């Protein structure tokens, strides 16, 4: 499984960005798709996840009501719509796919929110 993230950038506080994660390869083995982020000097943290078989997406408390994870059924792309961005949302955002035997990670995309 290969994951490629896109959509990061620099935005002012209160602004919006939309991240996308395109998956290729043995995507039928993926059960969960997630977005994580890692800020400088901090551990990687889960932002949001969506389960392949359905069910409600899950969100970190810090992003509830501001971020929305979704799947484009046409091509399987996973999106993360980020609204009302805050400086503390600044981080490298990673797409993660949970396969049968292991996790797969993308290369990450930088999100910088200026105050």
N, C-alpha and C. Protein backbone atom coordinates (compact mmCIF):
# COMPACT_ATOMS: atom_id res chain seq x y z
N UNK A 1 0.85 -1.19 0.00
CA UNK A 1 0.00 0.00 0.00
C UNK A 1 0.89 1.24 0.00
N UNK A 2 0.58 2.17 -0.88
CA UNK A 2 1.31 3.44 -0.94
C UNK A 2 0.32 4.57 -0.66
N UNK A 3 0.77 5.51 0.14
CA UNK A 3 -0.07 6.64 0.52
C UNK A 3 0.63 7.93 0.13
N UNK A 4 -0.10 8.84 -0.48
CA UNK A 4 0.46 10.14 -0.86
C UNK A 4 -0.47 11.23 -0.37
N UNK A 5 0.05 12.07 0.53
CA UNK A 5 -0.73 13.18 1.07
C UNK A 5 -0.51 14.43 0.23
N UNK A 6 -1.50 15.30 0.25
CA UNK A 6 -1.38 16.59 -0.41
C UNK A 6 -2.30 17.57 0.28
N UNK A 7 -2.09 18.86 0.00
CA UNK A 7 -3.00 19.88 0.49
C UNK A 7 -2.50 20.71 1.65
N UNK A 8 -1.33 20.42 2.17
CA UNK A 8 -0.82 21.23 3.26
C UNK A 8 -0.42 22.62 2.79
N UNK A 9 -0.06 23.47 3.75
CA UNK A 9 0.37 24.81 3.40
C UNK A 9 0.35 25.74 4.58
N UNK A 10 0.44 27.02 4.27
CA UNK A 10 0.43 28.07 5.28
C UNK A 10 -0.90 28.80 5.24
N UNK A 11 -1.51 28.96 6.41
CA UNK A 11 -2.80 29.63 6.48
C UNK A 11 -2.85 30.45 7.76
N UNK A 12 -3.64 31.51 7.74
CA UNK A 12 -3.81 32.32 8.95
C UNK A 12 -4.80 31.66 9.89
N UNK A 13 -4.67 31.98 11.16
CA UNK A 13 -5.61 31.45 12.15
C UNK A 13 -7.04 31.80 11.74
N UNK A 14 -7.92 30.81 11.90
CA UNK A 14 -9.30 30.98 11.49
C UNK A 14 -9.58 30.50 10.07
N UNK A 15 -8.52 30.23 9.34
CA UNK A 15 -8.67 29.78 7.97
C UNK A 15 -8.92 28.30 7.84
N UNK A 16 -8.94 27.82 6.60
CA UNK A 16 -9.25 26.42 6.31
C UNK A 16 -8.22 25.83 5.35
N UNK A 17 -8.05 24.53 5.48
CA UNK A 17 -7.26 23.75 4.54
C UNK A 17 -7.93 22.40 4.35
N UNK A 18 -7.68 21.80 3.22
CA UNK A 18 -8.21 20.46 2.96
C UNK A 18 -7.05 19.56 2.58
N UNK A 19 -6.84 18.52 3.36
CA UNK A 19 -5.79 17.55 3.08
C UNK A 19 -6.41 16.34 2.37
N UNK A 20 -5.63 15.75 1.49
CA UNK A 20 -6.08 14.54 0.79
C UNK A 20 -5.02 13.46 0.91
N UNK A 21 -5.47 12.22 0.94
CA UNK A 21 -4.58 11.07 1.01
C UNK A 21 -5.03 10.08 -0.06
N UNK A 22 -4.18 9.89 -1.05
CA UNK A 22 -4.48 8.94 -2.11
C UNK A 22 -3.78 7.63 -1.83
N UNK A 23 -4.55 6.55 -1.81
CA UNK A 23 -3.99 5.22 -1.53
C UNK A 23 -3.94 4.39 -2.80
N UNK A 24 -2.89 3.62 -2.96
CA UNK A 24 -2.76 2.73 -4.11
C UNK A 24 -2.14 1.41 -3.64
N UNK A 25 -2.25 0.41 -4.48
CA UNK A 25 -1.75 -0.91 -4.10
C UNK A 25 -2.87 -1.78 -3.58
N UNK A 26 -2.58 -2.59 -2.58
CA UNK A 26 -3.56 -3.54 -2.03
C UNK A 26 -4.51 -2.85 -1.06
N UNK A 27 -5.27 -1.92 -1.60
CA UNK A 27 -6.14 -1.11 -0.75
C UNK A 27 -7.32 -1.91 -0.18
N UNK A 28 -7.64 -3.07 -0.78
CA UNK A 28 -8.75 -3.85 -0.25
C UNK A 28 -8.41 -4.48 1.09
N UNK A 29 -7.14 -4.43 1.49
CA UNK A 29 -6.73 -4.97 2.78
C UNK A 29 -6.82 -3.95 3.91
N UNK A 30 -7.14 -2.72 3.57
CA UNK A 30 -7.16 -1.64 4.56
C UNK A 30 -8.48 -1.66 5.32
N UNK A 31 -8.40 -1.64 6.66
CA UNK A 31 -9.62 -1.62 7.47
C UNK A 31 -9.90 -0.25 8.07
N UNK A 32 -8.85 0.52 8.32
CA UNK A 32 -9.01 1.84 8.93
C UNK A 32 -8.05 2.82 8.26
N UNK A 33 -8.55 4.00 7.98
CA UNK A 33 -7.70 5.09 7.47
C UNK A 33 -7.72 6.20 8.52
N UNK A 34 -6.56 6.76 8.77
CA UNK A 34 -6.46 7.76 9.83
C UNK A 34 -5.58 8.93 9.38
N UNK A 35 -5.78 10.04 10.05
CA UNK A 35 -4.86 11.17 9.97
C UNK A 35 -4.22 11.35 11.34
N UNK A 36 -2.91 11.44 11.35
CA UNK A 36 -2.14 11.76 12.54
C UNK A 36 -1.42 13.09 12.29
N UNK A 37 -0.92 13.67 13.36
CA UNK A 37 -0.08 14.84 13.20
C UNK A 37 1.03 14.82 14.25
N UNK A 38 2.12 15.47 13.89
CA UNK A 38 3.25 15.57 14.82
C UNK A 38 3.83 16.97 14.75
N UNK A 39 3.74 17.65 15.89
CA UNK A 39 4.31 18.99 16.02
C UNK A 39 5.75 18.87 16.51
N UNK A 40 6.57 19.88 16.27
CA UNK A 40 7.97 19.83 16.72
C UNK A 40 8.08 19.57 18.21
N UNK A 41 8.88 18.58 18.58
CA UNK A 41 9.10 18.28 19.98
C UNK A 41 7.98 17.52 20.65
N UNK A 42 6.98 17.12 19.88
CA UNK A 42 5.84 16.41 20.46
C UNK A 42 5.67 15.04 19.81
N UNK A 43 4.93 14.18 20.49
CA UNK A 43 4.66 12.86 19.94
C UNK A 43 3.59 12.95 18.86
N UNK A 44 3.63 11.98 17.99
CA UNK A 44 2.59 11.90 16.96
C UNK A 44 1.26 11.59 17.64
N UNK A 45 0.21 12.27 17.20
CA UNK A 45 -1.10 12.07 17.82
C UNK A 45 -2.16 11.82 16.75
N UNK A 46 -3.14 11.03 17.13
CA UNK A 46 -4.25 10.74 16.24
C UNK A 46 -5.16 11.95 16.14
N UNK A 47 -5.51 12.31 14.92
CA UNK A 47 -6.41 13.43 14.68
C UNK A 47 -7.82 12.93 14.37
N UNK A 48 -7.92 12.00 13.43
CA UNK A 48 -9.23 11.48 13.03
C UNK A 48 -9.05 10.14 12.33
N UNK A 49 -10.09 9.31 12.37
CA UNK A 49 -10.04 8.04 11.67
C UNK A 49 -11.40 7.71 11.09
N UNK A 50 -11.35 6.90 10.04
CA UNK A 50 -12.57 6.44 9.40
C UNK A 50 -12.41 4.96 9.10
N UNK A 51 -13.46 4.18 9.39
CA UNK A 51 -13.41 2.74 9.25
C UNK A 51 -13.96 2.34 7.89
N UNK A 52 -13.28 1.43 7.22
CA UNK A 52 -13.66 1.05 5.87
C UNK A 52 -15.06 0.45 5.81
N UNK A 53 -15.45 -0.28 6.82
CA UNK A 53 -16.75 -0.94 6.79
C UNK A 53 -17.91 -0.06 7.18
N UNK A 54 -17.64 1.20 7.48
CA UNK A 54 -18.72 2.11 7.89
C UNK A 54 -18.58 2.49 9.35
N UNK A 55 -19.60 3.11 9.88
CA UNK A 55 -19.54 3.60 11.25
C UNK A 55 -19.14 5.05 11.29
N UNK A 56 -19.32 5.65 12.41
CA UNK A 56 -19.04 7.08 12.53
C UNK A 56 -17.56 7.33 12.68
N UNK A 57 -17.05 8.35 12.02
CA UNK A 57 -15.64 8.69 12.20
C UNK A 57 -15.36 9.08 13.64
N UNK A 58 -14.09 8.97 14.00
CA UNK A 58 -13.65 9.34 15.34
C UNK A 58 -12.70 10.54 15.23
N UNK A 59 -12.75 11.41 16.25
CA UNK A 59 -11.91 12.60 16.25
C UNK A 59 -11.25 12.81 17.61
N UNK A 60 -10.08 13.41 17.55
CA UNK A 60 -9.46 13.87 18.79
C UNK A 60 -10.31 15.01 19.34
N UNK A 61 -10.35 15.12 20.66
CA UNK A 61 -11.15 16.17 21.29
C UNK A 61 -10.72 17.56 20.80
N UNK A 62 -9.45 17.72 20.53
CA UNK A 62 -8.93 19.04 20.16
C UNK A 62 -9.41 19.51 18.78
N UNK A 63 -9.94 18.60 17.97
CA UNK A 63 -10.36 19.00 16.63
C UNK A 63 -11.86 18.79 16.39
N UNK A 64 -12.56 18.23 17.34
CA UNK A 64 -14.00 17.99 17.17
C UNK A 64 -14.71 19.29 16.85
N UNK A 65 -15.60 19.22 15.87
CA UNK A 65 -16.36 20.39 15.48
C UNK A 65 -15.64 21.29 14.49
N UNK A 66 -14.35 21.04 14.28
CA UNK A 66 -13.58 21.86 13.34
C UNK A 66 -13.07 21.06 12.16
N UNK A 67 -12.73 19.79 12.38
CA UNK A 67 -12.19 18.94 11.32
C UNK A 67 -13.22 17.89 10.92
N UNK A 68 -13.19 17.52 9.65
CA UNK A 68 -14.07 16.47 9.15
C UNK A 68 -13.28 15.53 8.26
N UNK A 69 -13.31 14.25 8.59
CA UNK A 69 -12.67 13.24 7.75
C UNK A 69 -13.72 12.59 6.87
N UNK A 70 -13.37 12.34 5.63
CA UNK A 70 -14.35 11.75 4.71
C UNK A 70 -13.62 10.91 3.66
N UNK A 71 -14.41 10.08 3.01
CA UNK A 71 -13.87 9.22 1.96
C UNK A 71 -14.56 9.56 0.65
N UNK A 72 -13.77 9.70 -0.41
CA UNK A 72 -14.32 9.88 -1.75
C UNK A 72 -14.52 8.49 -2.32
N UNK A 73 -15.77 8.05 -2.44
CA UNK A 73 -16.04 6.69 -2.87
C UNK A 73 -15.65 6.44 -4.33
N UNK A 74 -15.49 7.49 -5.09
CA UNK A 74 -15.12 7.32 -6.50
C UNK A 74 -13.70 6.77 -6.64
N UNK A 75 -12.79 7.25 -5.81
CA UNK A 75 -11.41 6.80 -5.96
C UNK A 75 -10.76 6.38 -4.64
N UNK A 76 -11.51 6.39 -3.56
CA UNK A 76 -10.98 5.94 -2.28
C UNK A 76 -10.12 6.95 -1.55
N UNK A 77 -10.00 8.14 -2.08
CA UNK A 77 -9.20 9.18 -1.42
C UNK A 77 -9.82 9.55 -0.08
N UNK A 78 -8.97 9.71 0.91
CA UNK A 78 -9.41 10.14 2.23
C UNK A 78 -9.08 11.62 2.37
N UNK A 79 -10.06 12.40 2.77
CA UNK A 79 -9.87 13.84 2.91
C UNK A 79 -10.00 14.26 4.37
N UNK A 80 -9.31 15.33 4.70
CA UNK A 80 -9.46 15.94 6.02
C UNK A 80 -9.71 17.42 5.81
N UNK A 81 -10.96 17.82 6.02
CA UNK A 81 -11.32 19.23 5.92
C UNK A 81 -11.06 19.88 7.27
N UNK A 82 -10.22 20.89 7.29
CA UNK A 82 -9.83 21.54 8.53
C UNK A 82 -10.30 22.99 8.50
N UNK A 83 -11.22 23.32 9.39
CA UNK A 83 -11.75 24.68 9.49
C UNK A 83 -11.35 25.30 10.82
N UNK A 84 -11.50 26.60 10.89
CA UNK A 84 -11.20 27.33 12.13
C UNK A 84 -9.84 26.94 12.68
N UNK A 85 -8.87 26.94 11.81
CA UNK A 85 -7.53 26.50 12.21
C UNK A 85 -6.91 27.42 13.24
N UNK A 86 -6.12 26.80 14.11
CA UNK A 86 -5.46 27.51 15.20
C UNK A 86 -3.95 27.31 15.09
N UNK A 87 -3.17 28.20 15.66
CA UNK A 87 -1.72 28.01 15.63
C UNK A 87 -1.28 26.66 16.20
N UNK A 88 -2.01 26.16 17.17
CA UNK A 88 -1.64 24.87 17.76
C UNK A 88 -1.93 23.69 16.85
N UNK A 89 -2.58 23.93 15.72
CA UNK A 89 -2.78 22.87 14.73
C UNK A 89 -1.55 22.71 13.83
N UNK A 90 -0.58 23.59 13.98
CA UNK A 90 0.63 23.50 13.18
C UNK A 90 1.36 22.20 13.45
N UNK A 91 1.62 21.45 12.39
CA UNK A 91 2.25 20.14 12.52
C UNK A 91 2.46 19.55 11.14
N UNK A 92 3.19 18.46 11.09
CA UNK A 92 3.22 17.62 9.90
C UNK A 92 2.08 16.62 10.04
N UNK A 93 1.25 16.55 9.03
CA UNK A 93 0.10 15.66 9.05
C UNK A 93 0.39 14.43 8.20
N UNK A 94 0.11 13.26 8.78
CA UNK A 94 0.39 11.99 8.13
C UNK A 94 -0.88 11.20 7.94
N UNK A 95 -0.96 10.57 6.80
CA UNK A 95 -2.04 9.63 6.53
C UNK A 95 -1.56 8.24 6.91
N UNK A 96 -2.44 7.48 7.53
CA UNK A 96 -2.11 6.12 7.97
C UNK A 96 -3.16 5.15 7.50
N UNK A 97 -2.74 3.98 7.06
CA UNK A 97 -3.66 2.93 6.66
C UNK A 97 -3.34 1.67 7.45
N UNK A 98 -4.36 1.12 8.07
CA UNK A 98 -4.18 -0.12 8.84
C UNK A 98 -4.50 -1.31 7.94
N UNK A 99 -3.48 -2.10 7.64
CA UNK A 99 -3.67 -3.29 6.83
C UNK A 99 -3.81 -4.52 7.70
N UNK A 100 -3.71 -5.69 7.08
CA UNK A 100 -3.89 -6.95 7.80
C UNK A 100 -2.76 -7.19 8.79
N UNK A 101 -1.53 -6.89 8.37
CA UNK A 101 -0.37 -7.21 9.20
C UNK A 101 0.39 -6.00 9.69
N UNK A 102 0.11 -4.82 9.15
CA UNK A 102 0.92 -3.67 9.52
C UNK A 102 0.22 -2.37 9.14
N UNK A 103 0.78 -1.27 9.66
CA UNK A 103 0.34 0.06 9.27
C UNK A 103 1.20 0.55 8.12
N UNK A 104 0.62 1.42 7.31
CA UNK A 104 1.33 2.08 6.23
C UNK A 104 1.22 3.59 6.45
N UNK A 105 2.32 4.30 6.17
CA UNK A 105 2.36 5.75 6.38
C UNK A 105 2.71 6.47 5.10
N UNK A 106 2.13 7.66 4.96
CA UNK A 106 2.54 8.54 3.88
C UNK A 106 3.76 9.34 4.31
N UNK A 107 4.20 10.23 3.43
CA UNK A 107 5.42 11.00 3.69
C UNK A 107 5.14 12.23 4.55
N UNK A 108 3.88 12.57 4.70
CA UNK A 108 3.51 13.72 5.51
C UNK A 108 3.38 15.00 4.70
N UNK A 109 2.57 15.89 5.21
CA UNK A 109 2.40 17.21 4.59
C UNK A 109 2.35 18.26 5.69
N UNK A 110 3.08 19.34 5.49
CA UNK A 110 3.22 20.37 6.52
C UNK A 110 2.01 21.29 6.51
N UNK A 111 1.48 21.52 7.69
CA UNK A 111 0.42 22.52 7.90
C UNK A 111 0.95 23.54 8.89
N UNK A 112 0.95 24.79 8.49
CA UNK A 112 1.42 25.87 9.36
C UNK A 112 0.32 26.91 9.48
N UNK A 113 -0.06 27.20 10.72
CA UNK A 113 -1.11 28.18 10.99
C UNK A 113 -0.48 29.36 11.70
N UNK A 114 -0.55 30.51 11.08
CA UNK A 114 0.03 31.70 11.68
C UNK A 114 -1.00 32.46 12.50
N UNK A 115 -0.53 33.10 13.54
CA UNK A 115 -1.45 33.84 14.43
C UNK A 115 -1.62 35.28 13.97
